[in-house]
C-alpha atoms as a PDB file:
ATOM      1  CA  UNK A   1     124.511 -38.163   1.193  1.00  0.00           C
ATOM      2  CA  UNK A   2     126.201 -35.410   3.152  1.00  0.00           C
ATOM      3  CA  UNK A   3     129.507 -34.595   4.876  1.00  0.00           C
ATOM      4  CA  UNK A   4     129.940 -32.075   7.690  1.00  0.00           C
ATOM      5  CA  UNK A   5     133.115 -30.925   9.478  1.00  0.00           C
ATOM      6  CA  UNK A   6     132.571 -29.546  12.992  1.00  0.00           C
ATOM      7  CA  UNK A   7     134.536 -27.842  15.745  1.00  0.00           C
ATOM      8  CA  UNK A   8     132.975 -27.885  19.219  1.00  0.00           C
ATOM      9  CA  UNK A   9     134.077 -25.454  21.932  1.00  0.00           C
ATOM     10  CA  UNK A  10     133.379 -25.376  25.668  1.00  0.00           C
ATOM     11  CA  UNK A  11     134.012 -27.979  28.357  1.00  0.00           C
ATOM     12  CA  UNK A  12     134.311 -30.793  25.850  1.00  0.00           C
ATOM     13  CA  UNK A  13     137.496 -32.606  26.877  1.00  0.00           C
ATOM     14  CA  UNK A  14     137.698 -34.981  29.823  1.00  0.00           C
ATOM     15  CA  UNK A  15     133.909 -35.465  29.862  1.00  0.00           C
ATOM     16  CA  UNK A  16     133.597 -38.518  27.547  1.00  0.00           C
ATOM     17  CA  UNK A  17     132.706 -36.274  24.603  1.00  0.00           C
ATOM     18  CA  UNK A  18     134.619 -38.365  22.048  1.00  0.00           C
ATOM     19  CA  UNK A  19     133.245 -41.678  23.290  1.00  0.00           C
ATOM     20  CA  UNK A  20     129.673 -40.391  23.343  1.00  0.00           C
ATOM     21  CA  UNK A  21     130.140 -38.821  19.906  1.00  0.00           C
ATOM     22  CA  UNK A  22     131.284 -42.190  18.594  1.00  0.00           C
ATOM     23  CA  UNK A  23     128.354 -43.988  20.238  1.00  0.00           C
ATOM     24  CA  UNK A  24     125.819 -41.487  18.887  1.00  0.00           C
ATOM     25  CA  UNK A  25     127.291 -41.380  15.378  1.00  0.00           C
ATOM     26  CA  UNK A  26     127.379 -45.176  15.217  1.00  0.00           C
ATOM     27  CA  UNK A  27     123.748 -45.409  16.345  1.00  0.00           C
ATOM     28  CA  UNK A  28     122.835 -42.989  13.528  1.00  0.00           C
ATOM     29  CA  UNK A  29     124.812 -45.103  11.040  1.00  0.00           C
ATOM     30  CA  UNK A  30     127.228 -42.266  10.304  1.00  0.00           C
ATOM     31  CA  UNK A  31     130.854 -42.705   9.328  1.00  0.00           C
ATOM     32  CA  UNK A  32     133.758 -40.435  10.219  1.00  0.00           C
ATOM     33  CA  UNK A  33     136.000 -39.566  13.116  1.00  0.00           C
ATOM     34  CA  UNK A  34     136.348 -37.404  16.239  1.00  0.00           C
ATOM     35  CA  UNK A  35     139.408 -36.094  18.067  1.00  0.00           C
ATOM     36  CA  UNK A  36     140.528 -33.714  20.808  1.00  0.00           C
ATOM     37  CA  UNK A  37     142.450 -30.672  19.635  1.00  0.00           C
ATOM     38  CA  UNK A  38     145.377 -29.063  21.442  1.00  0.00           C
ATOM     39  CA  UNK A  39     143.385 -25.819  21.865  1.00  0.00           C
ATOM     40  CA  UNK A  40     140.687 -27.565  23.960  1.00  0.00           C
ATOM     41  CA  UNK A  41     138.113 -28.014  21.212  1.00  0.00           C
ATOM     42  CA  UNK A  42     136.795 -31.246  19.731  1.00  0.00           C
ATOM     43  CA  UNK A  43     136.919 -31.733  15.960  1.00  0.00           C
ATOM     44  CA  UNK A  44     134.792 -34.233  14.048  1.00  0.00           C
ATOM     45  CA  UNK A  45     133.781 -35.214  10.536  1.00  0.00           C
ATOM     46  CA  UNK A  46     130.480 -36.968   9.869  1.00  0.00           C
ATOM     47  CA  UNK A  47     129.211 -38.558   6.657  1.00  0.00           C
ATOM     48  CA  UNK A  48     125.807 -40.089   6.036  1.00  0.00           C
ATOM     49  CA  UNK A  49     122.167 -39.415   5.355  1.00  0.00           C
ATOM     50  CA  UNK A  50     121.275 -35.699   5.630  1.00  0.00           C
ATOM     51  CA  UNK A  51     118.570 -36.260   8.273  1.00  0.00           C
ATOM     52  CA  UNK A  52     120.973 -38.260  10.451  1.00  0.00           C
ATOM     53  CA  UNK A  53     123.672 -35.596  10.036  1.00  0.00           C
ATOM     54  CA  UNK A  54     121.173 -32.999  11.307  1.00  0.00           C
ATOM     55  CA  UNK A  55     120.361 -35.202  14.303  1.00  0.00           C
ATOM     56  CA  UNK A  56     124.089 -35.514  15.026  1.00  0.00           C
ATOM     57  CA  UNK A  57     124.551 -31.747  14.808  1.00  0.00           C
ATOM     58  CA  UNK A  58     121.678 -31.266  17.251  1.00  0.00           C
ATOM     59  CA  UNK A  59     123.409 -33.692  19.611  1.00  0.00           C
ATOM     60  CA  UNK A  60     126.730 -31.809  19.235  1.00  0.00           C
ATOM     61  CA  UNK A  61     125.043 -28.665  20.569  1.00  0.00           C
ATOM     62  CA  UNK A  62     124.156 -30.597  23.767  1.00  0.00           C
ATOM     63  CA  UNK A  63     126.934 -33.158  24.201  1.00  0.00           C
ATOM     64  CA  UNK A  64     127.079 -35.671  27.029  1.00  0.00           C
ATOM     65  CA  UNK A  65     125.755 -34.704  30.489  1.00  0.00           C
ATOM     66  CA  UNK A  66     129.090 -33.592  31.984  1.00  0.00           C
ATOM     67  CA  UNK A  67     129.948 -31.323  29.057  1.00  0.00           C
ATOM     68  CA  UNK A  68     129.167 -27.675  28.411  1.00  0.00           C
ATOM     69  CA  UNK A  69     128.977 -26.737  24.744  1.00  0.00           C
ATOM     70  CA  UNK A  70     129.588 -23.050  24.091  1.00  0.00           C
ATOM     71  CA  UNK A  71     129.911 -23.085  20.319  1.00  0.00           C
ATOM     72  CA  UNK A  72     129.571 -25.431  17.351  1.00  0.00           C
ATOM     73  CA  UNK A  73     131.154 -24.396  14.063  1.00  0.00           C
ATOM     74  CA  UNK A  74     129.995 -26.556  11.147  1.00  0.00           C
ATOM     75  CA  UNK A  75     130.921 -26.504   7.484  1.00  0.00           C
ATOM     76  CA  UNK A  76     129.540 -28.731   4.769  1.00  0.00           C
ATOM     77  CA  UNK A  77     132.161 -30.418   2.607  1.00  0.00           C
ATOM     78  CA  UNK A  78     132.035 -32.651  -0.459  1.00  0.00           C
ATOM     79  CA  UNK A  79     130.824 -36.143   0.431  1.00  0.00           C
ATOM     80  CA  UNK A  80     133.544 -38.740  -0.184  1.00  0.00           C
ATOM     81  CA  UNK A  81     132.004 -42.038   0.923  1.00  0.00           C
ATOM     82  CA  UNK A  82     135.497 -43.370   1.656  1.00  0.00           C
ATOM     83  CA  UNK A  83     135.266 -43.690   5.449  1.00  0.00           C
ATOM     84  CA  UNK A  84     134.257 -46.923   7.101  1.00  0.00           C
ATOM     85  CA  UNK A  85     132.807 -46.921  10.592  1.00  0.00           C
ATOM     86  CA  UNK A  86     133.212 -44.121  13.096  1.00  0.00           C
ATOM     87  CA  UNK A  87     136.456 -43.879  15.025  1.00  0.00           C
ATOM     88  CA  UNK A  88     138.172 -41.861  17.703  1.00  0.00           C
ATOM     89  CA  UNK A  89     141.438 -40.393  16.406  1.00  0.00           C
ATOM     90  CA  UNK A  90     144.293 -39.840  18.857  1.00  0.00           C
END
């Protein structure tokens, strides 16, 4: 199992990025969370099977149709297995 912490920059707020991230992560059976940051980026943590994490990272580089992703910063962290479901944090 794997855990990844990502920061996504570009036009990623106000374009349903969090909702689509939640939908995609849930469909990949990942756990974690996603939130908007005050600096205009989106931050997310994903936990799950390594192959599904890679698929989620690929999606993060594209985002939903109305978004424009300029940069994705990703760092692997120690897997915890403590999160249940995938939620949007406000």
